[in-house]
Amino acid sequence: AVLLGCFTHAFAQELSWPGDLSAYQPAVPRFR
């Protein structure tokens, strides 16, 4: 039970909202 509790706490701390979304931004085409 103690190990499960520790693992849950570590997992919850690790899984957080991504702070930087620049990698998600697509390059936009440009047209003449």
PDB file of all heavy atoms in Angstrom:
ATOM      1  N   ALA A   1       0.828  -1.204   0.000  1.00  0.00           N
ATOM      2  CA  ALA A   1       0.000   0.000   0.000  1.00  0.00           C
ATOM      3  C   ALA A   1       0.863   1.255   0.000  1.00  0.00           C
ATOM      4  O   ALA A   1       0.570   2.240  -0.682  1.00  0.00           O
ATOM      5  CB  ALA A   1      -0.924  -0.010   1.221  1.00  0.00           C
ATOM      6  N   VAL A   2       1.966   1.223   0.792  1.00  0.00           N
ATOM      7  CA  VAL A   2       2.856   2.388   0.836  1.00  0.00           C
ATOM      8  C   VAL A   2       3.492   2.637  -0.527  1.00  0.00           C
ATOM      9  O   VAL A   2       3.575   3.771  -1.013  1.00  0.00           O
ATOM     10  CB  VAL A   2       3.935   2.193   1.917  1.00  0.00           C
ATOM     11  CG1 VAL A   2       4.997   3.289   1.801  1.00  0.00           C
ATOM     12  CG2 VAL A   2       3.309   2.210   3.297  1.00  0.00           C
ATOM     13  N   LEU A   3       3.966   1.572  -1.172  1.00  0.00           N
ATOM     14  CA  LEU A   3       4.590   1.716  -2.492  1.00  0.00           C
ATOM     15  C   LEU A   3       3.597   2.254  -3.509  1.00  0.00           C
ATOM     16  O   LEU A   3       3.931   3.120  -4.323  1.00  0.00           O
ATOM     17  CB  LEU A   3       5.144   0.363  -2.959  1.00  0.00           C
ATOM     18  CG  LEU A   3       6.378  -0.142  -2.209  1.00  0.00           C
ATOM     19  CD1 LEU A   3       6.735  -1.542  -2.685  1.00  0.00           C
ATOM     20  CD2 LEU A   3       7.562   0.809  -2.395  1.00  0.00           C
ATOM     21  N   LEU A   4       2.358   1.750  -3.475  1.00  0.00           N
ATOM     22  CA  LEU A   4       1.344   2.254  -4.396  1.00  0.00           C
ATOM     23  C   LEU A   4       1.098   3.735  -4.169  1.00  0.00           C
ATOM     24  O   LEU A   4       0.989   4.521  -5.109  1.00  0.00           O
ATOM     25  CB  LEU A   4       0.037   1.469  -4.215  1.00  0.00           C
ATOM     26  CG  LEU A   4      -0.024   0.084  -4.852  1.00  0.00           C
ATOM     27  CD1 LEU A   4      -1.299  -0.634  -4.413  1.00  0.00           C
ATOM     28  CD2 LEU A   4       0.032   0.167  -6.366  1.00  0.00           C
ATOM     29  N   GLY A   5       1.017   4.132  -2.904  1.00  0.00           N
ATOM     30  CA  GLY A   5       0.791   5.540  -2.603  1.00  0.00           C
ATOM     31  C   GLY A   5       1.925   6.415  -3.086  1.00  0.00           C
ATOM     32  O   GLY A   5       1.707   7.491  -3.644  1.00  0.00           O
ATOM     33  N   CYS A   6       3.149   5.978  -2.898  1.00  0.00           N
ATOM     34  CA  CYS A   6       4.309   6.746  -3.368  1.00  0.00           C
ATOM     35  C   CYS A   6       4.312   6.858  -4.884  1.00  0.00           C
ATOM     36  O   CYS A   6       4.619   7.915  -5.439  1.00  0.00           O
ATOM     37  CB  CYS A   6       5.594   6.086  -2.886  1.00  0.00           C
ATOM     38  SG  CYS A   6       5.835   6.184  -1.085  1.00  0.00           S
ATOM     39  N   PHE A   7       3.999   5.754  -5.548  1.00  0.00           N
ATOM     40  CA  PHE A   7       4.008   5.774  -7.012  1.00  0.00           C
ATOM     41  C   PHE A   7       2.957   6.724  -7.556  1.00  0.00           C
ATOM     42  O   PHE A   7       3.196   7.488  -8.485  1.00  0.00           O
ATOM     43  CB  PHE A   7       3.773   4.368  -7.559  1.00  0.00           C
ATOM     44  CG  PHE A   7       4.019   4.274  -9.044  1.00  0.00           C
ATOM     45  CD1 PHE A   7       5.269   3.963  -9.534  1.00  0.00           C
ATOM     46  CD2 PHE A   7       2.993   4.527  -9.954  1.00  0.00           C
ATOM     47  CE1 PHE A   7       5.497   3.892 -10.903  1.00  0.00           C
ATOM     48  CE2 PHE A   7       3.221   4.462 -11.313  1.00  0.00           C
ATOM     49  CZ  PHE A   7       4.480   4.135 -11.784  1.00  0.00           C
ATOM     50  N   THR A   8       1.734   6.689  -6.963  1.00  0.00           N
ATOM     51  CA  THR A   8       0.673   7.591  -7.403  1.00  0.00           C
ATOM     52  C   THR A   8       1.098   9.035  -7.254  1.00  0.00           C
ATOM     53  O   THR A   8       0.892   9.867  -8.131  1.00  0.00           O
ATOM     54  CB  THR A   8      -0.605   7.329  -6.596  1.00  0.00           C
ATOM     55  OG1 THR A   8      -1.034   5.993  -6.839  1.00  0.00           O
ATOM     56  CG2 THR A   8      -1.714   8.279  -7.011  1.00  0.00           C
ATOM     57  N   HIS A   9       1.716   9.354  -6.113  1.00  0.00           N
ATOM     58  CA  HIS A   9       2.130  10.730  -5.881  1.00  0.00           C
ATOM     59  C   HIS A   9       3.167  11.158  -6.916  1.00  0.00           C
ATOM     60  O   HIS A   9       3.076  12.250  -7.495  1.00  0.00           O
ATOM     61  CB  HIS A   9       2.695  10.853  -4.467  1.00  0.00           C
ATOM     62  CG  HIS A   9       3.195  12.228  -4.148  1.00  0.00           C
ATOM     63  ND1 HIS A   9       2.342  13.284  -3.906  1.00  0.00           N
ATOM     64  CD2 HIS A   9       4.464  12.725  -4.055  1.00  0.00           C
ATOM     65  CE1 HIS A   9       3.048  14.375  -3.676  1.00  0.00           C
ATOM     66  NE2 HIS A   9       4.347  14.063  -3.744  1.00  0.00           N
ATOM     67  N   ALA A  10       4.151  10.293  -7.196  1.00  0.00           N
ATOM     68  CA  ALA A  10       5.186  10.637  -8.178  1.00  0.00           C
ATOM     69  C   ALA A  10       4.588  10.803  -9.568  1.00  0.00           C
ATOM     70  O   ALA A  10       4.933  11.734 -10.310  1.00  0.00           O
ATOM     71  CB  ALA A  10       6.254   9.543  -8.186  1.00  0.00           C
ATOM     72  N   PHE A  11       3.676   9.908  -9.918  1.00  0.00           N
ATOM     73  CA  PHE A  11       3.032   9.990 -11.241  1.00  0.00           C
ATOM     74  C   PHE A  11       2.226  11.271 -11.380  1.00  0.00           C
ATOM     75  O   PHE A  11       2.295  11.972 -12.380  1.00  0.00           O
ATOM     76  CB  PHE A  11       2.142   8.760 -11.435  1.00  0.00           C
ATOM     77  CG  PHE A  11       0.917   8.999 -12.262  1.00  0.00           C
ATOM     78  CD1 PHE A  11       1.018   9.296 -13.618  1.00  0.00           C
ATOM     79  CD2 PHE A  11      -0.349   8.935 -11.699  1.00  0.00           C
ATOM     80  CE1 PHE A  11      -0.115   9.525 -14.370  1.00  0.00           C
ATOM     81  CE2 PHE A  11      -1.474   9.166 -12.446  1.00  0.00           C
ATOM     82  CZ  PHE A  11      -1.358   9.457 -13.788  1.00  0.00           C
ATOM     83  N   ALA A  12       1.447  11.609 -10.338  1.00  0.00           N
ATOM     84  CA  ALA A  12       0.613  12.804 -10.391  1.00  0.00           C
ATOM     85  C   ALA A  12       1.471  14.058 -10.530  1.00  0.00           C
ATOM     86  O   ALA A  12       1.108  15.001 -11.225  1.00  0.00           O
ATOM     87  CB  ALA A  12      -0.267  12.883  -9.146  1.00  0.00           C
ATOM     88  N   GLN A  13       2.609  14.087  -9.839  1.00  0.00           N
ATOM     89  CA  GLN A  13       3.485  15.244  -9.946  1.00  0.00           C
ATOM     90  C   GLN A  13       4.098  15.351 -11.345  1.00  0.00           C
ATOM     91  O   GLN A  13       4.280  16.444 -11.875  1.00  0.00           O
ATOM     92  CB  GLN A  13       4.608  15.129  -8.902  1.00  0.00           C
ATOM     93  CG  GLN A  13       4.129  15.256  -7.476  1.00  0.00           C
ATOM     94  CD  GLN A  13       3.558  16.628  -7.181  1.00  0.00           C
ATOM     95  OE1 GLN A  13       4.116  17.632  -7.602  1.00  0.00           O
ATOM     96  NE2 GLN A  13       2.452  16.670  -6.462  1.00  0.00           N
ATOM     97  N   GLU A  14       4.416  14.225 -11.932  1.00  0.00           N
ATOM     98  CA  GLU A  14       5.082  14.218 -13.235  1.00  0.00           C
ATOM     99  C   GLU A  14       4.130  14.601 -14.365  1.00  0.00           C
ATOM    100  O   GLU A  14       4.518  15.284 -15.317  1.00  0.00           O
ATOM    101  CB  GLU A  14       5.661  12.822 -13.494  1.00  0.00           C
ATOM    102  CG  GLU A  14       6.374  12.707 -14.834  1.00  0.00           C
ATOM    103  CD  GLU A  14       6.822  11.294 -15.121  1.00  0.00           C
ATOM    104  OE1 GLU A  14       6.607  10.409 -14.259  1.00  0.00           O
ATOM    105  OE2 GLU A  14       7.377  11.060 -16.214  1.00  0.00           O
ATOM    106  N   LEU A  15       2.871  14.165 -14.291  1.00  0.00           N
ATOM    107  CA  LEU A  15       1.916  14.395 -15.368  1.00  0.00           C
ATOM    108  C   LEU A  15       1.299  15.771 -15.186  1.00  0.00           C
ATOM    109  O   LEU A  15       0.352  15.954 -14.423  1.00  0.00           O
ATOM    110  CB  LEU A  15       0.833  13.313 -15.353  1.00  0.00           C
ATOM    111  CG  LEU A  15      -0.162  13.345 -16.517  1.00  0.00           C
ATOM    112  CD1 LEU A  15       0.552  13.213 -17.844  1.00  0.00           C
ATOM    113  CD2 LEU A  15      -1.189  12.234 -16.366  1.00  0.00           C
ATOM    114  N   SER A  16       1.846  16.759 -15.870  1.00  0.00           N
ATOM    115  CA  SER A  16       1.367  18.131 -15.757  1.00  0.00           C
ATOM    116  C   SER A  16       1.221  18.736 -17.147  1.00  0.00           C
ATOM    117  O   SER A  16       1.765  18.226 -18.132  1.00  0.00           O
ATOM    118  CB  SER A  16       2.323  18.965 -14.904  1.00  0.00           C
ATOM    119  OG  SER A  16       3.632  18.958 -15.464  1.00  0.00           O
ATOM    120  N   TRP A  17       0.486  19.830 -17.199  1.00  0.00           N
ATOM    121  CA  TRP A  17       0.188  20.482 -18.474  1.00  0.00           C
ATOM    122  C   TRP A  17       1.473  20.956 -19.148  1.00  0.00           C
ATOM    123  O   TRP A  17       2.336  21.531 -18.499  1.00  0.00           O
ATOM    124  CB  TRP A  17      -0.747  21.667 -18.229  1.00  0.00           C
ATOM    125  CG  TRP A  17      -1.346  22.194 -19.496  1.00  0.00           C
ATOM    126  CD1 TRP A  17      -0.911  23.249 -20.235  1.00  0.00           C
ATOM    127  CD2 TRP A  17      -2.474  21.661 -20.178  1.00  0.00           C
ATOM    128  NE1 TRP A  17      -1.707  23.412 -21.341  1.00  0.00           N
ATOM    129  CE2 TRP A  17      -2.674  22.452 -21.328  1.00  0.00           C
ATOM    130  CE3 TRP A  17      -3.330  20.592 -19.927  1.00  0.00           C
ATOM    131  CZ2 TRP A  17      -3.705  22.205 -22.224  1.00  0.00           C
ATOM    132  CZ3 TRP A  17      -4.357  20.359 -20.819  1.00  0.00           C
ATOM    133  CH2 TRP A  17      -4.541  21.146 -21.950  1.00  0.00           C
ATOM    134  N   PRO A  18       1.627  20.714 -20.461  1.00  0.00           N
ATOM    135  CA  PRO A  18       2.850  21.157 -21.147  1.00  0.00           C
ATOM    136  C   PRO A  18       2.953  22.684 -21.142  1.00  0.00           C
ATOM    137  O   PRO A  18       2.016  23.382 -21.526  1.00  0.00           O
ATOM    138  CB  PRO A  18       2.679  20.599 -22.564  1.00  0.00           C
ATOM    139  CG  PRO A  18       1.207  20.372 -22.724  1.00  0.00           C
ATOM    140  CD  PRO A  18       0.693  20.030 -21.372  1.00  0.00           C
ATOM    141  N   GLY A  19       4.085  23.193 -20.697  1.00  0.00           N
ATOM    142  CA  GLY A  19       4.248  24.631 -20.596  1.00  0.00           C
ATOM    143  C   GLY A  19       4.565  25.312 -21.917  1.00  0.00           C
ATOM    144  O   GLY A  19       4.219  26.470 -22.134  1.00  0.00           O
ATOM    145  N   ASP A  20       5.213  24.607 -22.819  1.00  0.00           N
ATOM    146  CA  ASP A  20       5.648  25.188 -24.081  1.00  0.00           C
ATOM    147  C   ASP A  20       4.984  24.436 -25.225  1.00  0.00           C
ATOM    148  O   ASP A  20       5.228  23.246 -25.421  1.00  0.00           O
ATOM    149  CB  ASP A  20       7.165  25.104 -24.204  1.00  0.00           C
ATOM    150  CG  ASP A  20       7.699  25.745 -25.484  1.00  0.00           C
ATOM    151  OD1 ASP A  20       6.896  26.379 -26.207  1.00  0.00           O
ATOM    152  OD2 ASP A  20       8.898  25.600 -25.760  1.00  0.00           O
ATOM    153  N   LEU A  21       4.145  25.122 -25.992  1.00  0.00           N
ATOM    154  CA  LEU A  21       3.440  24.479 -27.107  1.00  0.00           C
ATOM    155  C   LEU A  21       4.058  24.830 -28.458  1.00  0.00           C
ATOM    156  O   LEU A  21       3.449  24.603 -29.498  1.00  0.00           O
ATOM    157  CB  LEU A  21       1.963  24.902 -27.096  1.00  0.00           C
ATOM    158  CG  LEU A  21       1.149  24.473 -25.872  1.00  0.00           C
ATOM    159  CD1 LEU A  21      -0.292  24.952 -26.013  1.00  0.00           C
ATOM    160  CD2 LEU A  21       1.196  22.962 -25.677  1.00  0.00           C
ATOM    161  N   SER A  22       5.260  25.356 -28.459  1.00  0.00           N
ATOM    162  CA  SER A  22       5.881  25.745 -29.734  1.00  0.00           C
ATOM    163  C   SER A  22       6.089  24.554 -30.654  1.00  0.00           C
ATOM    164  O   SER A  22       6.010  24.691 -31.883  1.00  0.00           O
ATOM    165  CB  SER A  22       7.215  26.450 -29.483  1.00  0.00           C
ATOM    166  OG  SER A  22       8.114  25.616 -28.765  1.00  0.00           O
ATOM    167  N   ALA A  23       6.338  23.377 -30.073  1.00  0.00           N
ATOM    168  CA  ALA A  23       6.545  22.192 -30.911  1.00  0.00           C
ATOM    169  C   ALA A  23       5.274  21.769 -31.633  1.00  0.00           C
ATOM    170  O   ALA A  23       5.328  21.010 -32.600  1.00  0.00           O
ATOM    171  CB  ALA A  23       7.064  21.031 -30.061  1.00  0.00           C
ATOM    172  N   TYR A  24       4.116  22.270 -31.165  1.00  0.00           N
ATOM    173  CA  TYR A  24       2.833  21.908 -31.762  1.00  0.00           C
ATOM    174  C   TYR A  24       2.463  22.834 -32.935  1.00  0.00           C
ATOM    175  O   TYR A  24       1.535  22.536 -33.680  1.00  0.00           O
ATOM    176  CB  TYR A  24       1.720  22.006 -30.721  1.00  0.00           C
ATOM    177  CG  TYR A  24       1.822  21.020 -29.576  1.00  0.00           C
ATOM    178  CD1 TYR A  24       2.782  21.153 -28.582  1.00  0.00           C
ATOM    179  CD2 TYR A  24       0.941  19.955 -29.474  1.00  0.00           C
ATOM    180  CE1 TYR A  24       2.869  20.271 -27.523  1.00  0.00           C
ATOM    181  CE2 TYR A  24       1.003  19.063 -28.419  1.00  0.00           C
ATOM    182  CZ  TYR A  24       1.977  19.223 -27.447  1.00  0.00           C
ATOM    183  OH  TYR A  24       2.046  18.328 -26.398  1.00  0.00           O
ATOM    184  N   GLN A  25       3.149  23.946 -33.066  1.00  0.00           N
ATOM    185  CA  GLN A  25       2.742  24.951 -34.043  1.00  0.00           C
ATOM    186  C   GLN A  25       3.219  24.586 -35.440  1.00  0.00           C
ATOM    187  O   GLN A  25       4.420  24.459 -35.681  1.00  0.00           O
ATOM    188  CB  GLN A  25       3.310  26.320 -33.652  1.00  0.00           C
ATOM    189  CG  GLN A  25       2.796  26.840 -32.327  1.00  0.00           C
ATOM    190  CD  GLN A  25       1.311  27.157 -32.358  1.00  0.00           C
ATOM    191  OE1 GLN A  25       0.752  27.462 -33.406  1.00  0.00           O
ATOM    192  NE2 GLN A  25       0.667  27.097 -31.202  1.00  0.00           N
ATOM    193  N   PRO A  26       2.296  24.409 -36.393  1.00  0.00           N
ATOM    194  CA  PRO A  26       2.702  24.063 -37.755  1.00  0.00           C
ATOM    195  C   PRO A  26       3.247  25.273 -38.504  1.00  0.00           C
ATOM    196  O   PRO A  26       2.861  26.422 -38.240  1.00  0.00           O
ATOM    197  CB  PRO A  26       1.400  23.573 -38.398  1.00  0.00           C
ATOM    198  CG  PRO A  26       0.324  24.289 -37.643  1.00  0.00           C
ATOM    199  CD  PRO A  26       0.828  24.456 -36.244  1.00  0.00           C
ATOM    200  N   ALA A  27       4.149  25.022 -39.432  1.00  0.00           N
ATOM    201  CA  ALA A  27       4.581  26.058 -40.355  1.00  0.00           C
ATOM    202  C   ALA A  27       3.442  26.333 -41.335  1.00  0.00           C
ATOM    203  O   ALA A  27       2.843  25.403 -41.880  1.00  0.00           O
ATOM    204  CB  ALA A  27       5.837  25.613 -41.106  1.00  0.00           C
ATOM    205  N   VAL A  28       3.124  27.600 -41.553  1.00  0.00           N
ATOM    206  CA  VAL A  28       1.983  27.976 -42.392  1.00  0.00           C
ATOM    207  C   VAL A  28       2.463  28.275 -43.809  1.00  0.00           C
ATOM    208  O   VAL A  28       3.473  28.967 -43.999  1.00  0.00           O
ATOM    209  CB  VAL A  28       1.266  29.214 -41.813  1.00  0.00           C
ATOM    210  CG1 VAL A  28       0.079  29.609 -42.684  1.00  0.00           C
ATOM    211  CG2 VAL A  28       0.807  28.919 -40.393  1.00  0.00           C
ATOM    212  N   PRO A  29       1.777  27.742 -44.827  1.00  0.00           N
ATOM    213  CA  PRO A  29       2.209  27.998 -46.207  1.00  0.00           C
ATOM    214  C   PRO A  29       2.034  29.460 -46.593  1.00  0.00           C
ATOM    215  O   PRO A  29       1.160  30.160 -46.076  1.00  0.00           O
ATOM    216  CB  PRO A  29       1.299  27.091 -47.036  1.00  0.00           C
ATOM    217  CG  PRO A  29       0.089  26.902 -46.193  1.00  0.00           C
ATOM    218  CD  PRO A  29       0.571  26.899 -44.775  1.00  0.00           C
ATOM    219  N   ARG A  30       2.864  29.899 -47.512  1.00  0.00           N
ATOM    220  CA  ARG A  30       2.736  31.235 -48.086  1.00  0.00           C
ATOM    221  C   ARG A  30       2.562  31.088 -49.590  1.00  0.00           C
ATOM    222  O   ARG A  30       3.224  30.270 -50.225  1.00  0.00           O
ATOM    223  CB  ARG A  30       3.969  32.082 -47.758  1.00  0.00           C
ATOM    224  CG  ARG A  30       4.143  32.353 -46.269  1.00  0.00           C
ATOM    225  CD  ARG A  30       5.300  33.279 -45.993  1.00  0.00           C
ATOM    226  NE  ARG A  30       5.421  33.580 -44.570  1.00  0.00           N
ATOM    227  CZ  ARG A  30       6.331  34.397 -44.061  1.00  0.00           C
ATOM    228  NH1 ARG A  30       7.210  35.001 -44.880  1.00  0.00           N
ATOM    229  NH2 ARG A  30       6.373  34.627 -42.761  1.00  0.00           N
ATOM    230  N   PHE A  31       1.679  31.912 -50.126  1.00  0.00           N
ATOM    231  CA  PHE A  31       1.333  31.787 -51.547  1.00  0.00           C
ATOM    232  C   PHE A  31       1.623  33.095 -52.276  1.00  0.00           C
ATOM    233  O   PHE A  31       1.465  34.192 -51.722  1.00  0.00           O
ATOM    234  CB  PHE A  31      -0.157  31.444 -51.701  1.00  0.00           C
ATOM    235  CG  PHE A  31      -0.567  30.197 -50.974  1.00  0.00           C
ATOM    236  CD1 PHE A  31      -1.248  30.275 -49.760  1.00  0.00           C
ATOM    237  CD2 PHE A  31      -0.253  28.953 -51.476  1.00  0.00           C
ATOM    238  CE1 PHE A  31      -1.627  29.133 -49.086  1.00  0.00           C
ATOM    239  CE2 PHE A  31      -0.631  27.801 -50.800  1.00  0.00           C
ATOM    240  CZ  PHE A  31      -1.309  27.886 -49.608  1.00  0.00           C
ATOM    241  N   ARG A  32       2.018  32.951 -53.512  1.00  0.00           N
ATOM    242  CA  ARG A  32       2.180  34.125 -54.357  1.00  0.00           C
ATOM    243  C   ARG A  32       0.815  34.757 -54.639  1.00  0.00           C
ATOM    244  O   ARG A  32      -0.219  34.093 -54.575  1.00  0.00           O
ATOM    245  CB  ARG A  32       2.854  33.727 -55.677  1.00  0.00           C
ATOM    246  CG  ARG A  32       4.271  33.198 -55.490  1.00  0.00           C
ATOM    247  CD  ARG A  32       4.868  32.765 -56.806  1.00  0.00           C
ATOM    248  NE  ARG A  32       4.915  33.865 -57.768  1.00  0.00           N
ATOM    249  CZ  ARG A  32       5.368  33.730 -59.021  1.00  0.00           C
ATOM    250  NH1 ARG A  32       5.798  32.559 -59.447  1.00  0.00           N
ATOM    251  NH2 ARG A  32       5.380  34.771 -59.828  1.00  0.00           N
TER     252      ARG A  32
END
